[in-house]
């Protein structure tokens, strides 16, 4: 007999206060997109957003978004390499161009993540409001054109 009841499976859950906890998601809906957890004895409603459990009302921080973007760029680089290996991209010049753009995009996101992490640890390293979405998009566009030589709208 399984002893799963002693150690139920837990999920990483992002709370509105910015903390990330491990918790068992109970009472999942039929579609599996929402449920509830207990945090320090308090029941909380959670939902599955982009494959990540979040407390309802949670708004990802710019650093969360940058980390998600970094994970996606790594997947894109891997997909390009796999497509070339599988023969789906037969033209070496096309492969090299796609790979280079994806690699540079990954580098840009890493720089952005570093900038956001620095802002979290050293609040005086950036001016107030510099981590809002418009500023982040501006940094990405600047980095994109500077790093690749390709205007962002062409990527």
C-alpha atoms as a PDB file:
ATOM      1  CA  UNK A   1       0.000   0.000   0.000  1.00  0.00           C
ATOM      2  CA  UNK A   2       1.278   3.430  -0.859  1.00  0.00           C
ATOM      3  CA  UNK A   3       2.372   5.726   1.919  1.00  0.00           C
ATOM      4  CA  UNK A   4       1.743   8.821  -0.176  1.00  0.00           C
ATOM      5  CA  UNK A   5      -0.560  10.195   2.533  1.00  0.00           C
ATOM      6  CA  UNK A   6       2.501  10.663   4.757  1.00  0.00           C
ATOM      7  CA  UNK A   7       4.348  12.690   2.117  1.00  0.00           C
ATOM      8  CA  UNK A   8       1.782  14.151  -0.279  1.00  0.00           C
ATOM      9  CA  UNK A   9       3.086  15.652  -3.527  1.00  0.00           C
ATOM     10  CA  UNK A  10       3.710  19.363  -3.195  1.00  0.00           C
ATOM     11  CA  UNK A  11       3.885  22.148  -5.728  1.00  0.00           C
ATOM     12  CA  UNK A  12       5.819  25.399  -5.781  1.00  0.00           C
ATOM     13  CA  UNK A  13       3.286  28.183  -5.134  1.00  0.00           C
ATOM     14  CA  UNK A  14       3.982  31.906  -5.584  1.00  0.00           C
ATOM     15  CA  UNK A  15       2.211  34.050  -2.985  1.00  0.00           C
ATOM     16  CA  UNK A  16       1.066  37.674  -3.360  1.00  0.00           C
ATOM     17  CA  UNK A  17       3.618  38.773  -0.769  1.00  0.00           C
ATOM     18  CA  UNK A  18       6.429  37.564  -3.040  1.00  0.00           C
ATOM     19  CA  UNK A  19       7.238  34.411  -1.096  1.00  0.00           C
ATOM     20  CA  UNK A  20       7.459  31.040  -2.781  1.00  0.00           C
ATOM     21  CA  UNK A  21       6.338  28.030  -0.750  1.00  0.00           C
ATOM     22  CA  UNK A  22       5.884  24.288  -1.225  1.00  0.00           C
ATOM     23  CA  UNK A  23       2.299  23.193  -0.631  1.00  0.00           C
ATOM     24  CA  UNK A  24      -0.150  20.469  -1.561  1.00  0.00           C
ATOM     25  CA  UNK A  25      -2.806  21.847  -3.915  1.00  0.00           C
ATOM     26  CA  UNK A  26      -6.192  20.493  -2.799  1.00  0.00           C
ATOM     27  CA  UNK A  27      -9.705  20.737  -4.204  1.00  0.00           C
ATOM     28  CA  UNK A  28      -8.552  21.173  -7.781  1.00  0.00           C
ATOM     29  CA  UNK A  29     -11.227  22.078 -10.291  1.00  0.00           C
ATOM     30  CA  UNK A  30     -12.095  19.600 -13.027  1.00  0.00           C
ATOM     31  CA  UNK A  31      -9.859  21.435 -15.494  1.00  0.00           C
ATOM     32  CA  UNK A  32      -6.992  21.394 -12.973  1.00  0.00           C
ATOM     33  CA  UNK A  33      -6.485  25.146 -13.279  1.00  0.00           C
ATOM     34  CA  UNK A  34      -7.333  26.190  -9.717  1.00  0.00           C
ATOM     35  CA  UNK A  35      -7.483  24.811  -6.209  1.00  0.00           C
ATOM     36  CA  UNK A  36      -6.604  25.725  -2.654  1.00  0.00           C
ATOM     37  CA  UNK A  37      -3.694  25.356  -0.240  1.00  0.00           C
ATOM     38  CA  UNK A  38      -3.059  25.943   3.422  1.00  0.00           C
ATOM     39  CA  UNK A  39      -0.301  28.375   4.351  1.00  0.00           C
ATOM     40  CA  UNK A  40       0.414  28.595   8.085  1.00  0.00           C
ATOM     41  CA  UNK A  41      -3.107  27.266   8.702  1.00  0.00           C
ATOM     42  CA  UNK A  42      -4.774  29.833   6.466  1.00  0.00           C
ATOM     43  CA  UNK A  43      -6.646  28.603   3.363  1.00  0.00           C
ATOM     44  CA  UNK A  44      -5.627  30.320   0.138  1.00  0.00           C
ATOM     45  CA  UNK A  45      -7.102  30.049  -3.352  1.00  0.00           C
ATOM     46  CA  UNK A  46      -4.528  29.334  -6.047  1.00  0.00           C
ATOM     47  CA  UNK A  47      -4.577  29.129  -9.834  1.00  0.00           C
ATOM     48  CA  UNK A  48      -2.323  27.657 -12.481  1.00  0.00           C
ATOM     49  CA  UNK A  49      -0.901  30.402 -14.719  1.00  0.00           C
ATOM     50  CA  UNK A  50       1.630  29.532 -17.432  1.00  0.00           C
ATOM     51  CA  UNK A  51       2.364  26.230 -15.706  1.00  0.00           C
ATOM     52  CA  UNK A  52       3.026  27.912 -12.359  1.00  0.00           C
ATOM     53  CA  UNK A  53       0.808  27.826  -9.254  1.00  0.00           C
ATOM     54  CA  UNK A  54       0.059  31.308  -7.933  1.00  0.00           C
ATOM     55  CA  UNK A  55      -2.098  32.719  -5.187  1.00  0.00           C
ATOM     56  CA  UNK A  56      -5.122  34.307  -6.819  1.00  0.00           C
ATOM     57  CA  UNK A  57      -4.380  37.987  -7.204  1.00  0.00           C
ATOM     58  CA  UNK A  58      -0.628  37.366  -7.537  1.00  0.00           C
ATOM     59  CA  UNK A  59       1.118  39.721  -9.936  1.00  0.00           C
ATOM     60  CA  UNK A  60       4.506  38.517 -11.160  1.00  0.00           C
ATOM     61  CA  UNK A  61       7.401  40.865 -10.444  1.00  0.00           C
ATOM     62  CA  UNK A  62       9.586  42.087 -13.304  1.00  0.00           C
ATOM     63  CA  UNK A  63      12.271  39.659 -12.094  1.00  0.00           C
ATOM     64  CA  UNK A  64       9.748  36.775 -12.324  1.00  0.00           C
ATOM     65  CA  UNK A  65       8.905  37.805 -15.879  1.00  0.00           C
ATOM     66  CA  UNK A  66      12.585  38.062 -16.826  1.00  0.00           C
ATOM     67  CA  UNK A  67      13.282  34.617 -15.403  1.00  0.00           C
ATOM     68  CA  UNK A  68      10.359  33.186 -17.366  1.00  0.00           C
ATOM     69  CA  UNK A  69      11.663  34.876 -20.525  1.00  0.00           C
ATOM     70  CA  UNK A  70      15.116  33.420 -19.891  1.00  0.00           C
ATOM     71  CA  UNK A  71      13.690  29.924 -19.605  1.00  0.00           C
ATOM     72  CA  UNK A  72      11.839  30.447 -22.893  1.00  0.00           C
ATOM     73  CA  UNK A  73      14.945  31.680 -24.738  1.00  0.00           C
ATOM     74  CA  UNK A  74      16.888  28.636 -23.565  1.00  0.00           C
ATOM     75  CA  UNK A  75      14.092  26.453 -24.942  1.00  0.00           C
ATOM     76  CA  UNK A  76      14.175  28.325 -28.266  1.00  0.00           C
ATOM     77  CA  UNK A  77      17.944  27.813 -28.606  1.00  0.00           C
ATOM     78  CA  UNK A  78      17.455  24.095 -27.877  1.00  0.00           C
ATOM     79  CA  UNK A  79      14.588  23.838 -30.372  1.00  0.00           C
ATOM     80  CA  UNK A  80      16.679  25.450 -33.119  1.00  0.00           C
ATOM     81  CA  UNK A  81      19.550  23.044 -32.450  1.00  0.00           C
ATOM     82  CA  UNK A  82      17.162  20.069 -32.429  1.00  0.00           C
ATOM     83  CA  UNK A  83      15.447  21.178 -35.661  1.00  0.00           C
ATOM     84  CA  UNK A  84      18.840  21.371 -37.394  1.00  0.00           C
ATOM     85  CA  UNK A  85      19.866  17.968 -36.008  1.00  0.00           C
ATOM     86  CA  UNK A  86      16.555  16.452 -37.180  1.00  0.00           C
ATOM     87  CA  UNK A  87      17.026  17.909 -40.670  1.00  0.00           C
ATOM     88  CA  UNK A  88      14.063  20.289 -40.400  1.00  0.00           C
ATOM     89  CA  UNK A  89      16.429  23.191 -41.074  1.00  0.00           C
ATOM     90  CA  UNK A  90      18.597  22.171 -44.009  1.00  0.00           C
ATOM     91  CA  UNK A  91      20.154  25.504 -44.898  1.00  0.00           C
ATOM     92  CA  UNK A  92      23.236  26.144 -42.737  1.00  0.00           C
ATOM     93  CA  UNK A  93      22.980  29.913 -43.222  1.00  0.00           C
ATOM     94  CA  UNK A  94      19.385  29.926 -41.915  1.00  0.00           C
ATOM     95  CA  UNK A  95      20.403  27.786 -38.942  1.00  0.00           C
ATOM     96  CA  UNK A  96      23.345  30.074 -38.116  1.00  0.00           C
ATOM     97  CA  UNK A  97      21.161  33.200 -38.305  1.00  0.00           C
ATOM     98  CA  UNK A  98      18.369  31.718 -36.157  1.00  0.00           C
ATOM     99  CA  UNK A  99      20.827  30.338 -33.638  1.00  0.00           C
ATOM    100  CA  UNK A 100      22.719  33.631 -33.385  1.00  0.00           C
ATOM    101  CA  UNK A 101      19.560  35.694 -32.863  1.00  0.00           C
ATOM    102  CA  UNK A 102      18.255  33.230 -30.233  1.00  0.00           C
ATOM    103  CA  UNK A 103      21.637  33.156 -28.465  1.00  0.00           C
ATOM    104  CA  UNK A 104      21.771  36.951 -28.371  1.00  0.00           C
ATOM    105  CA  UNK A 105      18.178  37.147 -27.117  1.00  0.00           C
ATOM    106  CA  UNK A 106      19.153  34.759 -24.326  1.00  0.00           C
ATOM    107  CA  UNK A 107      22.104  37.012 -23.475  1.00  0.00           C
ATOM    108  CA  UNK A 108      19.827  40.057 -23.383  1.00  0.00           C
ATOM    109  CA  UNK A 109      17.396  38.406 -21.018  1.00  0.00           C
ATOM    110  CA  UNK A 110      20.277  37.303 -18.768  1.00  0.00           C
ATOM    111  CA  UNK A 111      21.505  40.922 -18.624  1.00  0.00           C
ATOM    112  CA  UNK A 112      17.991  42.116 -17.808  1.00  0.00           C
ATOM    113  CA  UNK A 113      17.637  39.503 -15.065  1.00  0.00           C
ATOM    114  CA  UNK A 114      20.997  40.555 -13.602  1.00  0.00           C
ATOM    115  CA  UNK A 115      19.872  44.199 -13.652  1.00  0.00           C
ATOM    116  CA  UNK A 116      16.605  43.339 -11.879  1.00  0.00           C
ATOM    117  CA  UNK A 117      18.356  41.178  -9.290  1.00  0.00           C
ATOM    118  CA  UNK A 118      20.795  44.008  -8.611  1.00  0.00           C
ATOM    119  CA  UNK A 119      17.851  46.389  -8.168  1.00  0.00           C
ATOM    120  CA  UNK A 120      16.333  43.965  -5.634  1.00  0.00           C
ATOM    121  CA  UNK A 121      19.531  43.750  -3.568  1.00  0.00           C
ATOM    122  CA  UNK A 122      20.709  47.348  -3.978  1.00  0.00           C
ATOM    123  CA  UNK A 123      17.716  49.702  -4.111  1.00  0.00           C
ATOM    124  CA  UNK A 124      20.008  52.669  -4.847  1.00  0.00           C
ATOM    125  CA  UNK A 125      21.486  51.082  -7.988  1.00  0.00           C
ATOM    126  CA  UNK A 126      18.527  52.143 -10.133  1.00  0.00           C
ATOM    127  CA  UNK A 127      16.337  55.185  -9.986  1.00  0.00           C
ATOM    128  CA  UNK A 128      12.803  54.857  -8.589  1.00  0.00           C
ATOM    129  CA  UNK A 129      10.387  53.307 -11.043  1.00  0.00           C
ATOM    130  CA  UNK A 130      13.142  51.958 -13.286  1.00  0.00           C
ATOM    131  CA  UNK A 131      11.817  48.415 -13.037  1.00  0.00           C
ATOM    132  CA  UNK A 132       8.361  49.200 -14.418  1.00  0.00           C
ATOM    133  CA  UNK A 133       7.279  47.342 -17.558  1.00  0.00           C
ATOM    134  CA  UNK A 134       7.821  50.261 -19.958  1.00  0.00           C
ATOM    135  CA  UNK A 135      11.401  50.725 -18.732  1.00  0.00           C
ATOM    136  CA  UNK A 136      12.100  46.994 -18.984  1.00  0.00           C
ATOM    137  CA  UNK A 137      10.742  46.901 -22.539  1.00  0.00           C
ATOM    138  CA  UNK A 138      12.930  49.895 -23.366  1.00  0.00           C
ATOM    139  CA  UNK A 139      16.009  48.130 -21.980  1.00  0.00           C
ATOM    140  CA  UNK A 140      15.158  45.020 -24.009  1.00  0.00           C
ATOM    141  CA  UNK A 141      14.766  47.036 -27.198  1.00  0.00           C
ATOM    142  CA  UNK A 142      18.042  48.879 -26.584  1.00  0.00           C
ATOM    143  CA  UNK A 143      19.862  45.639 -25.844  1.00  0.00           C
ATOM    144  CA  UNK A 144      18.243  43.899 -28.804  1.00  0.00           C
ATOM    145  CA  UNK A 145      19.325  46.417 -31.399  1.00  0.00           C
ATOM    146  CA  UNK A 146      22.762  46.955 -29.855  1.00  0.00           C
ATOM    147  CA  UNK A 147      23.513  43.222 -29.475  1.00  0.00           C
ATOM    148  CA  UNK A 148      22.085  41.874 -32.733  1.00  0.00           C
ATOM    149  CA  UNK A 149      22.143  44.865 -35.018  1.00  0.00           C
ATOM    150  CA  UNK A 150      18.543  43.932 -35.859  1.00  0.00           C
ATOM    151  CA  UNK A 151      15.712  46.299 -34.922  1.00  0.00           C
ATOM    152  CA  UNK A 152      13.348  44.609 -32.395  1.00  0.00           C
ATOM    153  CA  UNK A 153      10.398  44.680 -34.790  1.00  0.00           C
ATOM    154  CA  UNK A 154      12.333  42.401 -37.182  1.00  0.00           C
ATOM    155  CA  UNK A 155      13.059  39.724 -34.560  1.00  0.00           C
END
